[in-house]
Amino acid sequence: GDLTIALAIRDRAIVETAYAAGLRISELATADLGSLDLRRGELRVLGKGRKERIGLLGRPARAALAGYLEDGRPALLGRRTRHGPDVVDPVEIFLNHRGEPLGVRGLRYRLDLLRQRAGLPVGVSPHTLRHSFATHLLEGGADLRVVQELLGHESLATTQIYTHVSPARLRAAYRGAHPRATRA
């Protein structure tokens, strides 16, 4: 029904946003409408130690968020049971099926459900999206300090965890670049 569609639109926006900006689950939960600039593709979030940083959103994430804000979120807001002059709508971007803010536990539950439906192994977690974000940036040639900034890491050592290159990739790079490598 309509709820299923609204939740699907929301879930798409969550996954696209998490992956695009490399966000922590807590950052997704607390992200609010006032911190989102869809036109510029920016989302200000409060990271660890209440440090603010800007998450960047590419075209797929912006499109998914625009669709959610246009159709999904209003549908979820419409399901709120508490009404009256003193009741204010939540400022959080992501809402649950009751039109209330979707917390960290709700996000984890939802992402795990999506993981199961996609047939992904148990080890795949919300953090995996963040890991993929970092790995894909580094593989694409992004500077380690840029990735550190985007992830909101206090120390470069934390970011360096993501720099392990797969042996297959090392072999391929070696074969392609080393003058003495047999072109096998």
C-alpha atoms as a PDB file:
ATOM      1  CA  GLY A   1       0.000   0.000   0.000  1.00  0.00           C
ATOM      2  CA  ASP A   2       0.870   3.673   0.336  1.00  0.00           C
ATOM      3  CA  LEU A   3       2.870   3.095   3.520  1.00  0.00           C
ATOM      4  CA  THR A   4       4.991   0.436   1.831  1.00  0.00           C
ATOM      5  CA  ILE A   5       5.753   2.834  -1.016  1.00  0.00           C
ATOM      6  CA  ALA A   6       6.561   5.717   1.362  1.00  0.00           C
ATOM      7  CA  LEU A   7       8.928   3.471   3.345  1.00  0.00           C
ATOM      8  CA  ALA A   8      10.604   2.188   0.174  1.00  0.00           C
ATOM      9  CA  ILE A   9      11.195   5.773  -1.004  1.00  0.00           C
ATOM     10  CA  ARG A  10      12.576   6.629   2.433  1.00  0.00           C
ATOM     11  CA  ASP A  11      14.838   3.557   2.589  1.00  0.00           C
ATOM     12  CA  ARG A  12      16.267   4.371  -0.831  1.00  0.00           C
ATOM     13  CA  ALA A  13      17.053   7.903   0.356  1.00  0.00           C
ATOM     14  CA  ILE A  14      18.697   6.550   3.533  1.00  0.00           C
ATOM     15  CA  VAL A  15      20.983   4.155   1.676  1.00  0.00           C
ATOM     16  CA  GLU A  16      21.905   6.679  -1.039  1.00  0.00           C
ATOM     17  CA  THR A  17      22.612   9.389   1.559  1.00  0.00           C
ATOM     18  CA  ALA A  18      24.647   7.091   3.818  1.00  0.00           C
ATOM     19  CA  TYR A  19      26.778   5.904   0.918  1.00  0.00           C
ATOM     20  CA  ALA A  20      27.119   9.298  -0.816  1.00  0.00           C
ATOM     21  CA  ALA A  21      28.241  11.140   2.310  1.00  0.00           C
ATOM     22  CA  GLY A  22      29.856   8.276   4.253  1.00  0.00           C
ATOM     23  CA  LEU A  23      27.702   9.008   7.274  1.00  0.00           C
ATOM     24  CA  ARG A  24      27.594   7.264  10.633  1.00  0.00           C
ATOM     25  CA  ILE A  25      24.228   5.844  11.638  1.00  0.00           C
ATOM     26  CA  SER A  26      23.963   8.423  14.446  1.00  0.00           C
ATOM     27  CA  GLU A  27      24.546  11.199  11.921  1.00  0.00           C
ATOM     28  CA  LEU A  28      21.755   9.890   9.697  1.00  0.00           C
ATOM     29  CA  ALA A  29      19.377   9.719  12.658  1.00  0.00           C
ATOM     30  CA  THR A  30      19.980  13.299  13.784  1.00  0.00           C
ATOM     31  CA  ALA A  31      20.224  14.908  10.326  1.00  0.00           C
ATOM     32  CA  ASP A  32      17.587  17.626  10.105  1.00  0.00           C
ATOM     33  CA  LEU A  33      15.858  19.501   7.302  1.00  0.00           C
ATOM     34  CA  GLY A  34      17.555  22.808   8.107  1.00  0.00           C
ATOM     35  CA  SER A  35      20.974  21.225   7.535  1.00  0.00           C
ATOM     36  CA  LEU A  36      20.150  19.952   4.071  1.00  0.00           C
ATOM     37  CA  ASP A  37      20.930  21.952   0.952  1.00  0.00           C
ATOM     38  CA  LEU A  38      19.761  19.802  -1.946  1.00  0.00           C
ATOM     39  CA  ARG A  39      20.692  22.353  -4.592  1.00  0.00           C
ATOM     40  CA  ARG A  40      24.318  22.401  -3.459  1.00  0.00           C
ATOM     41  CA  GLY A  41      24.288  18.731  -2.518  1.00  0.00           C
ATOM     42  CA  GLU A  42      25.347  19.331   1.071  1.00  0.00           C
ATOM     43  CA  LEU A  43      24.209  17.943   4.397  1.00  0.00           C
ATOM     44  CA  ARG A  44      25.648  19.375   7.616  1.00  0.00           C
ATOM     45  CA  VAL A  45      25.884  16.696  10.285  1.00  0.00           C
ATOM     46  CA  LEU A  46      27.015  16.524  13.882  1.00  0.00           C
ATOM     47  CA  GLY A  47      29.692  13.869  14.171  1.00  0.00           C
ATOM     48  CA  LYS A  48      31.584  12.398  17.099  1.00  0.00           C
ATOM     49  CA  GLY A  49      32.479  14.894  19.784  1.00  0.00           C
ATOM     50  CA  ARG A  50      29.699  17.196  18.524  1.00  0.00           C
ATOM     51  CA  LYS A  51      31.950  18.205  15.624  1.00  0.00           C
ATOM     52  CA  GLU A  52      30.079  19.559  12.631  1.00  0.00           C
ATOM     53  CA  ARG A  53      31.043  18.578   9.126  1.00  0.00           C
ATOM     54  CA  ILE A  54      29.584  18.706   5.642  1.00  0.00           C
ATOM     55  CA  GLY A  55      28.483  15.530   3.929  1.00  0.00           C
ATOM     56  CA  LEU A  56      28.504  15.769   0.137  1.00  0.00           C
ATOM     57  CA  LEU A  57      25.642  14.351  -1.909  1.00  0.00           C
ATOM     58  CA  GLY A  58      25.974  13.256  -5.524  1.00  0.00           C
ATOM     59  CA  ARG A  59      23.198  13.146  -8.086  1.00  0.00           C
ATOM     60  CA  PRO A  60      21.674   9.773  -7.046  1.00  0.00           C
ATOM     61  CA  ALA A  61      21.478  10.808  -3.384  1.00  0.00           C
ATOM     62  CA  ARG A  62      20.018  14.214  -4.248  1.00  0.00           C
ATOM     63  CA  ALA A  63      17.403  12.608  -6.482  1.00  0.00           C
ATOM     64  CA  ALA A  64      16.494  10.013  -3.836  1.00  0.00           C
ATOM     65  CA  LEU A  65      16.214  12.697  -1.142  1.00  0.00           C
ATOM     66  CA  ALA A  66      14.152  14.988  -3.390  1.00  0.00           C
ATOM     67  CA  GLY A  67      11.716  12.141  -4.081  1.00  0.00           C
ATOM     68  CA  TYR A  68      11.497  11.284  -0.398  1.00  0.00           C
ATOM     69  CA  LEU A  69      10.924  14.901   0.676  1.00  0.00           C
ATOM     70  CA  GLU A  70       8.279  15.338  -2.014  1.00  0.00           C
ATOM     71  CA  ASP A  71       6.329  12.089  -1.602  1.00  0.00           C
ATOM     72  CA  GLY A  72       7.671   9.795   1.114  1.00  0.00           C
ATOM     73  CA  ARG A  73       8.103  12.137   4.048  1.00  0.00           C
ATOM     74  CA  PRO A  74       4.730  13.934   3.676  1.00  0.00           C
ATOM     75  CA  ALA A  75       3.006  10.522   3.564  1.00  0.00           C
ATOM     76  CA  LEU A  76       4.786   9.476   6.772  1.00  0.00           C
ATOM     77  CA  LEU A  77       4.002  12.826   8.443  1.00  0.00           C
ATOM     78  CA  GLY A  78       0.350  12.242   7.590  1.00  0.00           C
ATOM     79  CA  ARG A  79       0.374   9.131   9.774  1.00  0.00           C
ATOM     80  CA  ARG A  80       1.083  11.070  12.963  1.00  0.00           C
ATOM     81  CA  THR A  81      -1.505  10.539  15.667  1.00  0.00           C
ATOM     82  CA  ARG A  82      -0.547  13.494  17.867  1.00  0.00           C
ATOM     83  CA  HIS A  83      -2.176  16.651  16.594  1.00  0.00           C
ATOM     84  CA  GLY A  84      -2.993  20.036  18.043  1.00  0.00           C
ATOM     85  CA  PRO A  85      -1.690  23.579  18.255  1.00  0.00           C
ATOM     86  CA  ASP A  86       1.248  22.637  20.510  1.00  0.00           C
ATOM     87  CA  VAL A  87       2.398  19.672  18.393  1.00  0.00           C
ATOM     88  CA  VAL A  88       5.262  20.531  16.070  1.00  0.00           C
ATOM     89  CA  ASP A  89       6.388  18.399  13.160  1.00  0.00           C
ATOM     90  CA  PRO A  90       9.758  16.717  13.625  1.00  0.00           C
ATOM     91  CA  VAL A  91      12.753  18.465  12.051  1.00  0.00           C
ATOM     92  CA  GLU A  92      14.626  15.203  11.463  1.00  0.00           C
ATOM     93  CA  ILE A  93      14.841  14.210   7.817  1.00  0.00           C
ATOM     94  CA  PHE A  94      14.118  10.521   8.267  1.00  0.00           C
ATOM     95  CA  LEU A  95      10.827   9.477   9.829  1.00  0.00           C
ATOM     96  CA  ASN A  96       9.417   6.100  10.870  1.00  0.00           C
ATOM     97  CA  HIS A  97       6.042   4.583   9.918  1.00  0.00           C
ATOM     98  CA  ARG A  98       4.355   6.680  12.625  1.00  0.00           C
ATOM     99  CA  GLY A  99       5.767   9.948  11.285  1.00  0.00           C
ATOM    100  CA  GLU A 100       8.166  10.272  14.213  1.00  0.00           C
ATOM    101  CA  PRO A 101      11.969  10.598  13.941  1.00  0.00           C
ATOM    102  CA  LEU A 102      13.631   7.344  12.923  1.00  0.00           C
ATOM    103  CA  GLY A 103      16.233   6.699  15.610  1.00  0.00           C
ATOM    104  CA  VAL A 104      19.512   4.815  15.518  1.00  0.00           C
ATOM    105  CA  ARG A 105      17.850   1.497  16.402  1.00  0.00           C
ATOM    106  CA  GLY A 106      15.155   1.992  13.770  1.00  0.00           C
ATOM    107  CA  LEU A 107      17.793   2.782  11.155  1.00  0.00           C
ATOM    108  CA  ARG A 108      19.838  -0.292  12.079  1.00  0.00           C
ATOM    109  CA  TYR A 109      16.734  -2.476  11.949  1.00  0.00           C
ATOM    110  CA  ARG A 110      15.699  -1.097   8.552  1.00  0.00           C
ATOM    111  CA  LEU A 111      19.161  -1.397   7.011  1.00  0.00           C
ATOM    112  CA  ASP A 112      19.449  -4.958   8.289  1.00  0.00           C
ATOM    113  CA  LEU A 113      16.088  -5.782   6.721  1.00  0.00           C
ATOM    114  CA  LEU A 114      17.319  -4.356   3.404  1.00  0.00           C
ATOM    115  CA  ARG A 115      20.529  -6.367   3.763  1.00  0.00           C
ATOM    116  CA  GLN A 116      18.515  -9.583   4.206  1.00  0.00           C
ATOM    117  CA  ARG A 117      16.216  -8.790   1.272  1.00  0.00           C
ATOM    118  CA  ALA A 118      19.243  -8.100  -0.934  1.00  0.00           C
ATOM    119  CA  GLY A 119      20.676 -11.482   0.076  1.00  0.00           C
ATOM    120  CA  LEU A 120      23.831  -9.908   1.484  1.00  0.00           C
ATOM    121  CA  PRO A 121      25.882 -11.749   4.130  1.00  0.00           C
ATOM    122  CA  VAL A 122      25.388 -11.123   7.854  1.00  0.00           C
ATOM    123  CA  GLY A 123      28.637  -9.144   8.215  1.00  0.00           C
ATOM    124  CA  VAL A 124      27.303  -6.348   5.997  1.00  0.00           C
ATOM    125  CA  SER A 125      26.310  -3.489   8.289  1.00  0.00           C
ATOM    126  CA  PRO A 126      25.490   0.217   8.090  1.00  0.00           C
ATOM    127  CA  HIS A 127      29.197   0.754   8.701  1.00  0.00           C
ATOM    128  CA  THR A 128      29.908  -1.223   5.517  1.00  0.00           C
ATOM    129  CA  LEU A 129      28.352   1.636   3.511  1.00  0.00           C
ATOM    130  CA  ARG A 130      30.745   4.046   5.214  1.00  0.00           C
ATOM    131  CA  HIS A 131      33.626   1.683   4.518  1.00  0.00           C
ATOM    132  CA  SER A 132      32.636   1.399   0.835  1.00  0.00           C
ATOM    133  CA  PHE A 133      32.411   5.184   0.632  1.00  0.00           C
ATOM    134  CA  ALA A 134      35.983   5.551   1.908  1.00  0.00           C
ATOM    135  CA  THR A 135      37.394   2.669  -0.133  1.00  0.00           C
ATOM    136  CA  HIS A 136      35.778   3.854  -3.368  1.00  0.00           C
ATOM    137  CA  LEU A 137      37.081   7.391  -2.867  1.00  0.00           C
ATOM    138  CA  LEU A 138      40.608   6.160  -2.219  1.00  0.00           C
ATOM    139  CA  GLU A 139      40.490   3.758  -5.171  1.00  0.00           C
ATOM    140  CA  GLY A 140      39.304   6.656  -7.298  1.00  0.00           C
ATOM    141  CA  GLY A 141      42.437   8.567  -6.361  1.00  0.00           C
ATOM    142  CA  ALA A 142      41.147  10.810  -3.571  1.00  0.00           C
ATOM    143  CA  ASP A 143      43.744  12.119  -1.140  1.00  0.00           C
ATOM    144  CA  LEU A 144      43.777  10.422   2.260  1.00  0.00           C
ATOM    145  CA  ARG A 145      43.390  13.746   4.073  1.00  0.00           C
ATOM    146  CA  VAL A 146      40.317  14.596   2.004  1.00  0.00           C
ATOM    147  CA  VAL A 147      38.773  11.247   2.919  1.00  0.00           C
ATOM    148  CA  GLN A 148      39.667  11.872   6.583  1.00  0.00           C
ATOM    149  CA  GLU A 149      37.823  15.195   6.403  1.00  0.00           C
ATOM    150  CA  LEU A 150      34.782  13.668   4.692  1.00  0.00           C
ATOM    151  CA  LEU A 151      34.565  10.848   7.228  1.00  0.00           C
ATOM    152  CA  GLY A 152      34.994  13.241  10.145  1.00  0.00           C
ATOM    153  CA  HIS A 153      37.919  11.293  11.566  1.00  0.00           C
ATOM    154  CA  GLU A 154      39.878  12.969  14.349  1.00  0.00           C
ATOM    155  CA  SER A 155      43.101  11.207  13.392  1.00  0.00           C
ATOM    156  CA  LEU A 156      44.569  10.135  10.088  1.00  0.00           C
ATOM    157  CA  ALA A 157      45.369   6.748  11.633  1.00  0.00           C
ATOM    158  CA  THR A 158      41.643   5.957  11.763  1.00  0.00           C
ATOM    159  CA  THR A 159      41.305   6.794   8.080  1.00  0.00           C
ATOM    160  CA  GLN A 160      44.317   4.664   7.181  1.00  0.00           C
ATOM    161  CA  ILE A 161      42.348   1.564   8.177  1.00  0.00           C
ATOM    162  CA  TYR A 162      40.577   2.024   4.836  1.00  0.00           C
ATOM    163  CA  THR A 163      43.733   2.113   2.738  1.00  0.00           C
ATOM    164  CA  HIS A 164      44.375  -1.614   2.557  1.00  0.00           C
ATOM    165  CA  VAL A 165      44.361  -2.468  -1.131  1.00  0.00           C
ATOM    166  CA  SER A 166      43.230  -5.913  -2.222  1.00  0.00           C
ATOM    167  CA  PRO A 167      46.024  -8.258  -3.377  1.00  0.00           C
ATOM    168  CA  ALA A 168      44.292  -8.715  -6.760  1.00  0.00           C
ATOM    169  CA  ARG A 169      44.277  -4.947  -7.284  1.00  0.00           C
ATOM    170  CA  LEU A 170      47.963  -4.749  -6.292  1.00  0.00           C
ATOM    171  CA  ARG A 171      48.818  -7.498  -8.781  1.00  0.00           C
ATOM    172  CA  ALA A 172      46.875  -5.811 -11.570  1.00  0.00           C
ATOM    173  CA  ALA A 173      48.518  -2.450 -10.885  1.00  0.00           C
ATOM    174  CA  TYR A 174      51.939  -4.102 -10.772  1.00  0.00           C
ATOM    175  CA  ARG A 175      51.395  -5.951 -14.050  1.00  0.00           C
ATOM    176  CA  GLY A 176      50.187  -2.790 -15.719  1.00  0.00           C
ATOM    177  CA  ALA A 177      52.905  -0.472 -14.443  1.00  0.00           C
ATOM    178  CA  HIS A 178      56.131  -2.295 -13.687  1.00  0.00           C
ATOM    179  CA  PRO A 179      58.575  -2.518 -16.629  1.00  0.00           C
ATOM    180  CA  ARG A 180      59.818  -5.962 -15.522  1.00  0.00           C
ATOM    181  CA  ALA A 181      56.347  -7.429 -14.947  1.00  0.00           C
ATOM    182  CA  THR A 182      55.533 -10.121 -17.474  1.00  0.00           C
ATOM    183  CA  ARG A 183      52.487  -8.932 -19.321  1.00  0.00           C
ATOM    184  CA  ALA A 184      50.532 -12.055 -18.439  1.00  0.00           C
END
